């Protein structure tokens, strides 16, 4: 199951199955994934990878069964990181070249201080109390080495102001009364945005104490949000792209010609805004999201995440691992 398309029913079914499986395996020497380091598999870079981030000149990818791989040459060669858990990882963020965080299933939050080569567990579901290990974190974003946010299923939102030494649950400060799943968190200018299901887009403005829901002309799932200054671009199911040029007060729907999920976005070295799809499409905008055109690339793969390497090469990650692409 793609964590970015998790449903309430599926999440509950997985939780029940996990509980039953743990009980059934207890007498067979079963070991919790939170206590089991990720296997050093040579196939890690070709298995499911859900998240990408730039760490200085390095690209770091996270994925299935705790696998984390990194590359210093835009994906030509990849190395496996030392990871203390084998939980599925979904997202990763590097505010500096050395400081990074990765999050995923089982309430896992991992930290690295060496650019992604080795990781330690900072938080897991066993420490979350009523939040429960069955609720995955689905995205992470850090403004700097101290201040960051993580979001997840059933409306989970945590923040830290000390590099993750302490994580504070702030669901009570978020306008999400239905506890809808939250798929993305990003800082755009001085503001912080969270995107989720049923057209939920939340904004925390400077000086405000609460994430407030914005009114959008779309009620489907949003997978990502990006932008610059007062221009905000959100994207999600059925090829949907929404754009605001006034910080989220008014929105326009931008035609894409697609009917598939738009899963991730980034900017390349030329300043183009790029959005990738779960079917392998790449859309590019040279006018800050006012319009998009398809980028013809041979052999593009279904994408869950995208990043631009220091060389300008586009790196796409998804169900078939990571792929490096030279865009025209």
C-alpha atoms as a PDB file:
ATOM      1  CA  UNK A   1       0.000   0.000   0.000  1.00  0.00           C
ATOM      2  CA  UNK A   2       1.253   3.465  -0.859  1.00  0.00           C
ATOM      3  CA  UNK A   3       1.319   5.429   2.426  1.00  0.00           C
ATOM      4  CA  UNK A   4       0.236   8.563   0.584  1.00  0.00           C
ATOM      5  CA  UNK A   5      -3.092   6.969  -0.325  1.00  0.00           C
ATOM      6  CA  UNK A   6      -3.871   5.381   3.033  1.00  0.00           C
ATOM      7  CA  UNK A   7      -7.573   5.291   3.993  1.00  0.00           C
ATOM      8  CA  UNK A   8      -9.178   5.113   7.403  1.00  0.00           C
ATOM      9  CA  UNK A   9     -10.493   1.599   6.798  1.00  0.00           C
ATOM     10  CA  UNK A  10      -7.133   0.411   5.522  1.00  0.00           C
ATOM     11  CA  UNK A  11      -5.312   1.946   8.466  1.00  0.00           C
ATOM     12  CA  UNK A  12      -7.610   0.218  10.947  1.00  0.00           C
ATOM     13  CA  UNK A  13      -7.336  -3.092   9.098  1.00  0.00           C
ATOM     14  CA  UNK A  14      -3.568  -2.868   9.129  1.00  0.00           C
ATOM     15  CA  UNK A  15      -3.568  -2.072  12.837  1.00  0.00           C
ATOM     16  CA  UNK A  16      -5.742  -5.111  13.622  1.00  0.00           C
ATOM     17  CA  UNK A  17      -3.637  -7.344  11.410  1.00  0.00           C
ATOM     18  CA  UNK A  18      -0.447  -6.099  13.034  1.00  0.00           C
ATOM     19  CA  UNK A  19      -1.821  -6.746  16.514  1.00  0.00           C
ATOM     20  CA  UNK A  20      -2.947 -10.269  15.572  1.00  0.00           C
ATOM     21  CA  UNK A  21       0.362 -10.985  13.860  1.00  0.00           C
ATOM     22  CA  UNK A  22       2.349  -9.826  16.860  1.00  0.00           C
ATOM     23  CA  UNK A  23       0.379 -12.096  19.185  1.00  0.00           C
ATOM     24  CA  UNK A  24       0.627 -15.081  16.840  1.00  0.00           C
ATOM     25  CA  UNK A  25       4.365 -14.642  16.395  1.00  0.00           C
ATOM     26  CA  UNK A  26       5.170 -14.056  20.056  1.00  0.00           C
ATOM     27  CA  UNK A  27       5.833 -17.741  20.668  1.00  0.00           C
ATOM     28  CA  UNK A  28       8.062 -18.014  17.600  1.00  0.00           C
ATOM     29  CA  UNK A  29      10.746 -15.542  18.621  1.00  0.00           C
ATOM     30  CA  UNK A  30       9.173 -12.645  16.744  1.00  0.00           C
ATOM     31  CA  UNK A  31      11.059  -9.367  17.046  1.00  0.00           C
ATOM     32  CA  UNK A  32       9.451  -5.958  16.798  1.00  0.00           C
ATOM     33  CA  UNK A  33      10.420  -3.947  13.699  1.00  0.00           C
ATOM     34  CA  UNK A  34      11.219  -1.084  16.069  1.00  0.00           C
ATOM     35  CA  UNK A  35      13.958  -3.252  17.572  1.00  0.00           C
ATOM     36  CA  UNK A  36      15.175  -4.763  14.291  1.00  0.00           C
ATOM     37  CA  UNK A  37      17.774  -2.859  12.213  1.00  0.00           C
ATOM     38  CA  UNK A  38      17.099  -2.532   8.510  1.00  0.00           C
ATOM     39  CA  UNK A  39      18.659  -5.379   6.544  1.00  0.00           C
ATOM     40  CA  UNK A  40      21.686  -4.477   4.446  1.00  0.00           C
ATOM     41  CA  UNK A  41      20.110  -5.573   1.187  1.00  0.00           C
ATOM     42  CA  UNK A  42      21.781  -4.959  -2.149  1.00  0.00           C
ATOM     43  CA  UNK A  43      18.280  -4.488  -3.590  1.00  0.00           C
ATOM     44  CA  UNK A  44      17.376  -1.616  -1.242  1.00  0.00           C
ATOM     45  CA  UNK A  45      17.829   1.071  -3.904  1.00  0.00           C
ATOM     46  CA  UNK A  46      15.550  -0.813  -6.309  1.00  0.00           C
ATOM     47  CA  UNK A  47      12.740  -1.502  -3.833  1.00  0.00           C
ATOM     48  CA  UNK A  48       9.928   0.860  -2.844  1.00  0.00           C
ATOM     49  CA  UNK A  49      11.299   4.313  -1.975  1.00  0.00           C
ATOM     50  CA  UNK A  50       8.795   6.863  -0.691  1.00  0.00           C
ATOM     51  CA  UNK A  51      10.834   9.952   0.185  1.00  0.00           C
ATOM     52  CA  UNK A  52      13.741  12.022  -1.158  1.00  0.00           C
ATOM     53  CA  UNK A  53      15.693  14.988   0.159  1.00  0.00           C
ATOM     54  CA  UNK A  54      18.768  16.983  -0.756  1.00  0.00           C
ATOM     55  CA  UNK A  55      21.462  17.050   1.947  1.00  0.00           C
ATOM     56  CA  UNK A  56      24.028  19.491   0.644  1.00  0.00           C
ATOM     57  CA  UNK A  57      25.392  17.822  -2.496  1.00  0.00           C
ATOM     58  CA  UNK A  58      23.967  14.460  -1.413  1.00  0.00           C
ATOM     59  CA  UNK A  59      20.604  12.868  -2.255  1.00  0.00           C
ATOM     60  CA  UNK A  60      19.012  10.730   0.473  1.00  0.00           C
ATOM     61  CA  UNK A  61      16.118   8.312  -0.161  1.00  0.00           C
ATOM     62  CA  UNK A  62      13.974   6.462   2.389  1.00  0.00           C
ATOM     63  CA  UNK A  63      11.605   3.565   1.890  1.00  0.00           C
ATOM     64  CA  UNK A  64      10.348   0.109   2.606  1.00  0.00           C
ATOM     65  CA  UNK A  65      11.503  -1.909   5.648  1.00  0.00           C
ATOM     66  CA  UNK A  66      13.648   0.908   6.994  1.00  0.00           C
ATOM     67  CA  UNK A  67      15.881   1.141   3.940  1.00  0.00           C
ATOM     68  CA  UNK A  68      17.769   4.417   3.534  1.00  0.00           C
ATOM     69  CA  UNK A  69      20.181   4.923   0.647  1.00  0.00           C
ATOM     70  CA  UNK A  70      22.258   7.950  -0.289  1.00  0.00           C
ATOM     71  CA  UNK A  71      24.206   9.113  -3.313  1.00  0.00           C
ATOM     72  CA  UNK A  72      26.919  11.720  -3.790  1.00  0.00           C
ATOM     73  CA  UNK A  73      26.883  11.539  -7.602  1.00  0.00           C
ATOM     74  CA  UNK A  74      23.230  12.175  -8.518  1.00  0.00           C
ATOM     75  CA  UNK A  75      22.277   8.526  -8.192  1.00  0.00           C
ATOM     76  CA  UNK A  76      24.988   6.892 -10.285  1.00  0.00           C
ATOM     77  CA  UNK A  77      26.182   5.012  -7.210  1.00  0.00           C
ATOM     78  CA  UNK A  78      24.270   4.478  -3.965  1.00  0.00           C
ATOM     79  CA  UNK A  79      25.249   3.484  -0.470  1.00  0.00           C
ATOM     80  CA  UNK A  80      23.133   1.934   2.263  1.00  0.00           C
ATOM     81  CA  UNK A  81      22.798   3.760   5.565  1.00  0.00           C
ATOM     82  CA  UNK A  82      22.865   2.253   9.037  1.00  0.00           C
ATOM     83  CA  UNK A  83      19.246   2.296  10.250  1.00  0.00           C
ATOM     84  CA  UNK A  84      18.112   1.002  13.680  1.00  0.00           C
ATOM     85  CA  UNK A  85      14.545   0.032  12.642  1.00  0.00           C
ATOM     86  CA  UNK A  86      12.909  -1.908   9.826  1.00  0.00           C
ATOM     87  CA  UNK A  87       9.631   0.022   9.813  1.00  0.00           C
ATOM     88  CA  UNK A  88       8.502   1.398   6.451  1.00  0.00           C
ATOM     89  CA  UNK A  89       9.774   4.972   6.045  1.00  0.00           C
ATOM     90  CA  UNK A  90       7.747   7.553   4.143  1.00  0.00           C
ATOM     91  CA  UNK A  91       9.450  10.966   4.165  1.00  0.00           C
ATOM     92  CA  UNK A  92      12.745  12.717   4.908  1.00  0.00           C
ATOM     93  CA  UNK A  93      13.879  16.316   5.471  1.00  0.00           C
ATOM     94  CA  UNK A  94      17.325  17.947   5.634  1.00  0.00           C
ATOM     95  CA  UNK A  95      17.453  21.598   6.745  1.00  0.00           C
ATOM     96  CA  UNK A  96      21.277  21.457   6.568  1.00  0.00           C
ATOM     97  CA  UNK A  97      23.801  19.258   4.785  1.00  0.00           C
ATOM     98  CA  UNK A  98      24.300  17.134   7.908  1.00  0.00           C
ATOM     99  CA  UNK A  99      21.111  17.344  10.000  1.00  0.00           C
ATOM    100  CA  UNK A 100      18.196  15.222   8.806  1.00  0.00           C
ATOM    101  CA  UNK A 101      15.010  13.525   9.964  1.00  0.00           C
ATOM    102  CA  UNK A 102      13.044  10.598   8.502  1.00  0.00           C
ATOM    103  CA  UNK A 103       9.544   9.459   9.507  1.00  0.00           C
ATOM    104  CA  UNK A 104       7.231   6.567   8.764  1.00  0.00           C
ATOM    105  CA  UNK A 105       5.080   3.759  10.049  1.00  0.00           C
ATOM    106  CA  UNK A 106       4.956   2.648  13.690  1.00  0.00           C
ATOM    107  CA  UNK A 107       5.268   6.292  14.759  1.00  0.00           C
ATOM    108  CA  UNK A 108       8.950   6.304  13.833  1.00  0.00           C
ATOM    109  CA  UNK A 109      11.086   9.438  13.814  1.00  0.00           C
ATOM    110  CA  UNK A 110      14.774   8.968  12.970  1.00  0.00           C
ATOM    111  CA  UNK A 111      17.601  11.497  13.130  1.00  0.00           C
ATOM    112  CA  UNK A 112      20.984  11.744  11.424  1.00  0.00           C
ATOM    113  CA  UNK A 113      23.829  14.169  12.121  1.00  0.00           C
ATOM    114  CA  UNK A 114      26.196  12.929   9.419  1.00  0.00           C
ATOM    115  CA  UNK A 115      24.264  13.610   6.241  1.00  0.00           C
ATOM    116  CA  UNK A 116      22.300  10.366   6.243  1.00  0.00           C
ATOM    117  CA  UNK A 117      25.043   7.774   6.707  1.00  0.00           C
ATOM    118  CA  UNK A 118      23.833   6.643  10.139  1.00  0.00           C
ATOM    119  CA  UNK A 119      20.559   7.160  12.003  1.00  0.00           C
ATOM    120  CA  UNK A 120      19.203   6.967  15.551  1.00  0.00           C
ATOM    121  CA  UNK A 121      15.623   6.603  16.775  1.00  0.00           C
ATOM    122  CA  UNK A 122      14.242   9.806  18.228  1.00  0.00           C
ATOM    123  CA  UNK A 123      10.598   8.755  18.643  1.00  0.00           C
ATOM    124  CA  UNK A 124       8.421   5.714  18.007  1.00  0.00           C
ATOM    125  CA  UNK A 125       4.833   4.633  18.518  1.00  0.00           C
ATOM    126  CA  UNK A 126       5.539   2.976  21.848  1.00  0.00           C
ATOM    127  CA  UNK A 127       6.298   6.403  23.302  1.00  0.00           C
ATOM    128  CA  UNK A 128       3.253   8.107  21.810  1.00  0.00           C
ATOM    129  CA  UNK A 129       0.712   6.806  24.320  1.00  0.00           C
ATOM    130  CA  UNK A 130      -2.813   7.152  22.989  1.00  0.00           C
ATOM    131  CA  UNK A 131      -1.512   8.171  19.548  1.00  0.00           C
ATOM    132  CA  UNK A 132      -0.534   4.527  19.087  1.00  0.00           C
ATOM    133  CA  UNK A 133       2.117   2.793  17.035  1.00  0.00           C
ATOM    134  CA  UNK A 134      -0.473   1.928  14.394  1.00  0.00           C
ATOM    135  CA  UNK A 135      -0.673   5.536  13.166  1.00  0.00           C
ATOM    136  CA  UNK A 136       2.028   6.340  10.594  1.00  0.00           C
ATOM    137  CA  UNK A 137       3.730   9.659  10.148  1.00  0.00           C
ATOM    138  CA  UNK A 138       3.460  10.692   6.493  1.00  0.00           C
ATOM    139  CA  UNK A 139       5.665  13.775   6.162  1.00  0.00           C
ATOM    140  CA  UNK A 140       8.323  15.823   7.917  1.00  0.00           C
ATOM    141  CA  UNK A 141       9.695  19.319   7.346  1.00  0.00           C
ATOM    142  CA  UNK A 142      12.338  21.299   9.223  1.00  0.00           C
ATOM    143  CA  UNK A 143      12.896  25.019   8.795  1.00  0.00           C
ATOM    144  CA  UNK A 144      16.326  24.780  10.449  1.00  0.00           C
ATOM    145  CA  UNK A 145      18.216  22.347  12.665  1.00  0.00           C
ATOM    146  CA  UNK A 146      15.934  23.106  15.634  1.00  0.00           C
ATOM    147  CA  UNK A 147      12.415  23.828  14.373  1.00  0.00           C
ATOM    148  CA  UNK A 148      10.358  21.188  12.607  1.00  0.00           C
ATOM    149  CA  UNK A 149       6.957  19.528  12.114  1.00  0.00           C
ATOM    150  CA  UNK A 150       5.729  16.003  11.441  1.00  0.00           C
ATOM    151  CA  UNK A 151       2.220  15.102  10.248  1.00  0.00           C
ATOM    152  CA  UNK A 152       0.402  11.840   9.696  1.00  0.00           C
ATOM    153  CA  UNK A 153      -2.693   9.671   9.672  1.00  0.00           C
ATOM    154  CA  UNK A 154      -5.824  10.619  11.606  1.00  0.00           C
ATOM    155  CA  UNK A 155      -4.696  14.215  11.959  1.00  0.00           C
ATOM    156  CA  UNK A 156      -1.398  13.685  13.786  1.00  0.00           C
ATOM    157  CA  UNK A 157       0.679  16.865  14.075  1.00  0.00           C
ATOM    158  CA  UNK A 158       3.809  17.229  16.207  1.00  0.00           C
ATOM    159  CA  UNK A 159       6.341  20.029  16.428  1.00  0.00           C
ATOM    160  CA  UNK A 160       9.757  20.516  17.974  1.00  0.00           C
ATOM    161  CA  UNK A 161      11.825  23.587  18.791  1.00  0.00           C
ATOM    162  CA  UNK A 162      14.933  21.746  19.997  1.00  0.00           C
ATOM    163  CA  UNK A 163      15.921  19.483  17.128  1.00  0.00           C
ATOM    164  CA  UNK A 164      13.565  16.712  18.187  1.00  0.00           C
ATOM    165  CA  UNK A 165      14.808  16.286  21.757  1.00  0.00           C
ATOM    166  CA  UNK A 166      11.165  16.938  22.627  1.00  0.00           C
ATOM    167  CA  UNK A 167       8.149  16.505  20.343  1.00  0.00           C
ATOM    168  CA  UNK A 168       4.904  18.280  21.240  1.00  0.00           C
ATOM    169  CA  UNK A 169       1.524  17.016  19.934  1.00  0.00           C
ATOM    170  CA  UNK A 170      -0.489  20.011  18.684  1.00  0.00           C
ATOM    171  CA  UNK A 171      -3.671  18.483  17.264  1.00  0.00           C
ATOM    172  CA  UNK A 172      -5.598  20.933  19.492  1.00  0.00           C
ATOM    173  CA  UNK A 173      -4.042  23.810  17.538  1.00  0.00           C
ATOM    174  CA  UNK A 174      -5.138  22.502  14.125  1.00  0.00           C
ATOM    175  CA  UNK A 175      -8.529  23.117  12.460  1.00  0.00           C
ATOM    176  CA  UNK A 176      -9.120  19.487  11.543  1.00  0.00           C
ATOM    177  CA  UNK A 177     -12.222  18.396  13.499  1.00  0.00           C
ATOM    178  CA  UNK A 178     -12.681  15.207  11.424  1.00  0.00           C
ATOM    179  CA  UNK A 179      -9.102  14.082  12.123  1.00  0.00           C
ATOM    180  CA  UNK A 180      -8.448  13.748   8.408  1.00  0.00           C
ATOM    181  CA  UNK A 181      -5.166  12.270   7.199  1.00  0.00           C
ATOM    182  CA  UNK A 182      -2.398  14.803   6.633  1.00  0.00           C
ATOM    183  CA  UNK A 183       0.003  14.042   3.775  1.00  0.00           C
ATOM    184  CA  UNK A 184       2.386  16.982   3.474  1.00  0.00           C
ATOM    185  CA  UNK A 185       3.894  19.809   5.522  1.00  0.00           C
ATOM    186  CA  UNK A 186       6.033  22.597   4.064  1.00  0.00           C
ATOM    187  CA  UNK A 187       7.247  26.049   4.910  1.00  0.00           C
ATOM    188  CA  UNK A 188       6.631  28.677   2.227  1.00  0.00           C
ATOM    189  CA  UNK A 189       8.079  32.047   3.094  1.00  0.00           C
ATOM    190  CA  UNK A 190       7.296  32.745   6.750  1.00  0.00           C
ATOM    191  CA  UNK A 191       4.188  30.511   6.735  1.00  0.00           C
ATOM    192  CA  UNK A 192       3.760  26.759   7.289  1.00  0.00           C
ATOM    193  CA  UNK A 193       1.214  24.756   5.271  1.00  0.00           C
ATOM    194  CA  UNK A 194      -0.253  21.281   5.801  1.00  0.00           C
ATOM    195  CA  UNK A 195      -2.107  19.415   3.013  1.00  0.00           C
ATOM    196  CA  UNK A 196      -4.498  16.509   3.547  1.00  0.00           C
ATOM    197  CA  UNK A 197      -7.568  14.629   2.436  1.00  0.00           C
ATOM    198  CA  UNK A 198     -10.959  16.073   1.408  1.00  0.00           C
ATOM    199  CA  UNK A 199      -9.421  19.311   0.181  1.00  0.00           C
ATOM    200  CA  UNK A 200      -7.918  20.171   3.554  1.00  0.00           C
ATOM    201  CA  UNK A 201      -5.177  22.806   3.397  1.00  0.00           C
ATOM    202  CA  UNK A 202      -4.036  24.414   6.639  1.00  0.00           C
ATOM    203  CA  UNK A 203      -1.926  27.518   7.192  1.00  0.00           C
ATOM    204  CA  UNK A 204       0.061  28.747  10.197  1.00  0.00           C
ATOM    205  CA  UNK A 205       0.956  32.411   9.751  1.00  0.00           C
ATOM    206  CA  UNK A 206       3.590  34.269  11.809  1.00  0.00           C
ATOM    207  CA  UNK A 207       2.142  35.450  15.081  1.00  0.00           C
ATOM    208  CA  UNK A 208      -0.786  33.040  14.897  1.00  0.00           C
ATOM    209  CA  UNK A 209      -1.122  30.191  17.380  1.00  0.00           C
ATOM    210  CA  UNK A 210      -3.280  27.893  15.245  1.00  0.00           C
ATOM    211  CA  UNK A 211      -3.191  26.144  11.872  1.00  0.00           C
ATOM    212  CA  UNK A 212      -6.281  27.507  10.122  1.00  0.00           C
ATOM    213  CA  UNK A 213      -8.167  25.769   7.302  1.00  0.00           C
ATOM    214  CA  UNK A 214      -8.232  27.592   3.958  1.00  0.00           C
ATOM    215  CA  UNK A 215     -11.272  27.550   1.668  1.00  0.00           C
ATOM    216  CA  UNK A 216     -10.428  25.697  -1.572  1.00  0.00           C
ATOM    217  CA  UNK A 217     -12.525  25.059  -4.724  1.00  0.00           C
ATOM    218  CA  UNK A 218     -11.654  21.342  -4.524  1.00  0.00           C
ATOM    219  CA  UNK A 219     -12.626  18.672  -2.007  1.00  0.00           C
ATOM    220  CA  UNK A 220     -10.351  15.817  -3.064  1.00  0.00           C
ATOM    221  CA  UNK A 221      -7.102  14.635  -1.512  1.00  0.00           C
ATOM    222  CA  UNK A 222      -4.033  16.870  -1.707  1.00  0.00           C
ATOM    223  CA  UNK A 223      -0.616  15.195  -1.668  1.00  0.00           C
ATOM    224  CA  UNK A 224       1.669  18.215  -1.679  1.00  0.00           C
ATOM    225  CA  UNK A 225       2.096  21.961  -1.386  1.00  0.00           C
ATOM    226  CA  UNK A 226       4.886  24.199  -2.646  1.00  0.00           C
ATOM    227  CA  UNK A 227       5.454  27.798  -3.668  1.00  0.00           C
ATOM    228  CA  UNK A 228       7.393  30.986  -3.051  1.00  0.00           C
ATOM    229  CA  UNK A 229       6.414  34.221  -1.389  1.00  0.00           C
ATOM    230  CA  UNK A 230       2.658  34.754  -1.693  1.00  0.00           C
ATOM    231  CA  UNK A 231       2.314  32.166  -4.494  1.00  0.00           C
ATOM    232  CA  UNK A 232       1.089  28.800  -3.211  1.00  0.00           C
ATOM    233  CA  UNK A 233       0.639  25.674  -5.387  1.00  0.00           C
ATOM    234  CA  UNK A 234      -1.166  22.596  -4.062  1.00  0.00           C
ATOM    235  CA  UNK A 235      -1.500  19.307  -5.977  1.00  0.00           C
ATOM    236  CA  UNK A 236      -3.317  16.030  -5.523  1.00  0.00           C
ATOM    237  CA  UNK A 237      -5.700  13.475  -6.994  1.00  0.00           C
ATOM    238  CA  UNK A 238      -7.045  13.448 -10.569  1.00  0.00           C
ATOM    239  CA  UNK A 239      -4.340  15.752 -11.906  1.00  0.00           C
ATOM    240  CA  UNK A 240      -5.449  18.591  -9.653  1.00  0.00           C
ATOM    241  CA  UNK A 241      -3.299  21.696  -9.293  1.00  0.00           C
ATOM    242  CA  UNK A 242      -4.545  24.714  -7.354  1.00  0.00           C
ATOM    243  CA  UNK A 243      -2.772  28.088  -7.252  1.00  0.00           C
ATOM    244  CA  UNK A 244      -3.040  31.160  -5.067  1.00  0.00           C
ATOM    245  CA  UNK A 245      -1.116  34.411  -5.452  1.00  0.00           C
ATOM    246  CA  UNK A 246      -2.349  36.044  -2.258  1.00  0.00           C
ATOM    247  CA  UNK A 247      -1.193  33.632   0.414  1.00  0.00           C
ATOM    248  CA  UNK A 248      -4.200  31.316   0.169  1.00  0.00           C
ATOM    249  CA  UNK A 249      -7.166  33.695   0.224  1.00  0.00           C
ATOM    250  CA  UNK A 250      -8.218  33.087  -3.400  1.00  0.00           C
ATOM    251  CA  UNK A 251      -7.538  30.051  -5.599  1.00  0.00           C
ATOM    252  CA  UNK A 252      -7.589  29.092  -9.255  1.00  0.00           C
ATOM    253  CA  UNK A 253      -7.534  25.567 -10.672  1.00  0.00           C
ATOM    254  CA  UNK A 254      -4.685  25.099 -13.160  1.00  0.00           C
ATOM    255  CA  UNK A 255      -5.349  22.710 -16.086  1.00  0.00           C
ATOM    256  CA  UNK A 256      -2.889  19.804 -16.361  1.00  0.00           C
ATOM    257  CA  UNK A 257      -4.572  17.455 -18.826  1.00  0.00           C
ATOM    258  CA  UNK A 258      -4.057  14.544 -16.424  1.00  0.00           C
ATOM    259  CA  UNK A 259      -6.430  12.390 -14.367  1.00  0.00           C
ATOM    260  CA  UNK A 260      -3.855  10.706 -12.116  1.00  0.00           C
ATOM    261  CA  UNK A 261      -2.490  11.553  -8.695  1.00  0.00           C
ATOM    262  CA  UNK A 262       0.184  14.253  -8.606  1.00  0.00           C
ATOM    263  CA  UNK A 263       2.350  13.020  -5.773  1.00  0.00           C
ATOM    264  CA  UNK A 264       5.375  15.290  -5.332  1.00  0.00           C
ATOM    265  CA  UNK A 265       6.973  18.557  -6.454  1.00  0.00           C
ATOM    266  CA  UNK A 266      10.270  20.447  -6.506  1.00  0.00           C
ATOM    267  CA  UNK A 267      12.147  23.190  -8.358  1.00  0.00           C
ATOM    268  CA  UNK A 268      15.048  22.541 -10.696  1.00  0.00           C
ATOM    269  CA  UNK A 269      18.249  24.526 -11.147  1.00  0.00           C
ATOM    270  CA  UNK A 270      16.552  26.676 -13.844  1.00  0.00           C
ATOM    271  CA  UNK A 271      13.783  27.697 -11.463  1.00  0.00           C
ATOM    272  CA  UNK A 272      11.124  25.541 -13.097  1.00  0.00           C
ATOM    273  CA  UNK A 273       8.418  24.165 -10.825  1.00  0.00           C
ATOM    274  CA  UNK A 274       8.191  20.405 -11.431  1.00  0.00           C
ATOM    275  CA  UNK A 275       5.357  18.086 -10.400  1.00  0.00           C
ATOM    276  CA  UNK A 276       5.491  14.299 -10.840  1.00  0.00           C
ATOM    277  CA  UNK A 277       2.685  11.747 -10.945  1.00  0.00           C
ATOM    278  CA  UNK A 278       2.038   8.229  -9.719  1.00  0.00           C
ATOM    279  CA  UNK A 279       1.929   7.145 -13.364  1.00  0.00           C
ATOM    280  CA  UNK A 280       5.315   8.603 -14.318  1.00  0.00           C
ATOM    281  CA  UNK A 281       4.327  11.994 -15.756  1.00  0.00           C
ATOM    282  CA  UNK A 282       6.494  15.065 -15.251  1.00  0.00           C
ATOM    283  CA  UNK A 283       4.888  18.502 -15.498  1.00  0.00           C
ATOM    284  CA  UNK A 284       6.908  21.725 -15.670  1.00  0.00           C
ATOM    285  CA  UNK A 285       5.999  25.371 -15.091  1.00  0.00           C
ATOM    286  CA  UNK A 286       8.140  28.389 -15.948  1.00  0.00           C
ATOM    287  CA  UNK A 287       5.576  30.904 -14.645  1.00  0.00           C
ATOM    288  CA  UNK A 288       5.448  29.897 -10.986  1.00  0.00           C
ATOM    289  CA  UNK A 289       2.586  27.467 -11.419  1.00  0.00           C
ATOM    290  CA  UNK A 290       0.268  29.562 -13.597  1.00  0.00           C
ATOM    291  CA  UNK A 291       0.534  26.921 -16.333  1.00  0.00           C
ATOM    292  CA  UNK A 292       2.116  23.501 -16.774  1.00  0.00           C
ATOM    293  CA  UNK A 293       3.408  21.541 -19.746  1.00  0.00           C
ATOM    294  CA  UNK A 294       4.387  17.865 -19.890  1.00  0.00           C
ATOM    295  CA  UNK A 295       8.113  17.123 -20.054  1.00  0.00           C
ATOM    296  CA  UNK A 296       8.899  14.320 -22.524  1.00  0.00           C
ATOM    297  CA  UNK A 297      11.294  11.926 -20.780  1.00  0.00           C
ATOM    298  CA  UNK A 298      11.942   8.384 -21.985  1.00  0.00           C
ATOM    299  CA  UNK A 299      11.492   5.673 -19.387  1.00  0.00           C
ATOM    300  CA  UNK A 300      10.097   7.795 -16.554  1.00  0.00           C
ATOM    301  CA  UNK A 301       8.878   5.702 -13.604  1.00  0.00           C
ATOM    302  CA  UNK A 302       5.863   6.048 -11.283  1.00  0.00           C
ATOM    303  CA  UNK A 303       6.832   8.607  -8.650  1.00  0.00           C
ATOM    304  CA  UNK A 304       6.226   9.031  -4.944  1.00  0.00           C
ATOM    305  CA  UNK A 305       8.973  11.642  -4.429  1.00  0.00           C
ATOM    306  CA  UNK A 306      11.232  13.939  -6.432  1.00  0.00           C
ATOM    307  CA  UNK A 307      14.375  16.007  -5.808  1.00  0.00           C
ATOM    308  CA  UNK A 308      17.037  17.818  -7.806  1.00  0.00           C
ATOM    309  CA  UNK A 309      20.671  16.820  -7.340  1.00  0.00           C
ATOM    310  CA  UNK A 310      23.514  19.346  -7.124  1.00  0.00           C
ATOM    311  CA  UNK A 311      24.345  18.572 -10.750  1.00  0.00           C
ATOM    312  CA  UNK A 312      20.855  19.595 -11.855  1.00  0.00           C
ATOM    313  CA  UNK A 313      19.829  15.995 -12.497  1.00  0.00           C
ATOM    314  CA  UNK A 314      16.259  15.142 -11.522  1.00  0.00           C
ATOM    315  CA  UNK A 315      15.947  12.184  -9.139  1.00  0.00           C
ATOM    316  CA  UNK A 316      12.595  10.386  -8.942  1.00  0.00           C
ATOM    317  CA  UNK A 317      11.730   7.712  -6.375  1.00  0.00           C
ATOM    318  CA  UNK A 318       8.816   5.304  -6.227  1.00  0.00           C
ATOM    319  CA  UNK A 319       7.747   1.644  -6.331  1.00  0.00           C
ATOM    320  CA  UNK A 320      10.741   0.649  -8.480  1.00  0.00           C
ATOM    321  CA  UNK A 321      13.395   2.462  -6.508  1.00  0.00           C
ATOM    322  CA  UNK A 322      15.183   5.647  -7.563  1.00  0.00           C
ATOM    323  CA  UNK A 323      15.896   6.912 -11.068  1.00  0.00           C
ATOM    324  CA  UNK A 324      18.051   9.806 -12.343  1.00  0.00           C
ATOM    325  CA  UNK A 325      16.754  11.816 -15.305  1.00  0.00           C
ATOM    326  CA  UNK A 326      18.255  14.548 -17.448  1.00  0.00           C
ATOM    327  CA  UNK A 327      15.463  16.944 -18.352  1.00  0.00           C
ATOM    328  CA  UNK A 328      15.416  18.813 -21.655  1.00  0.00           C
END
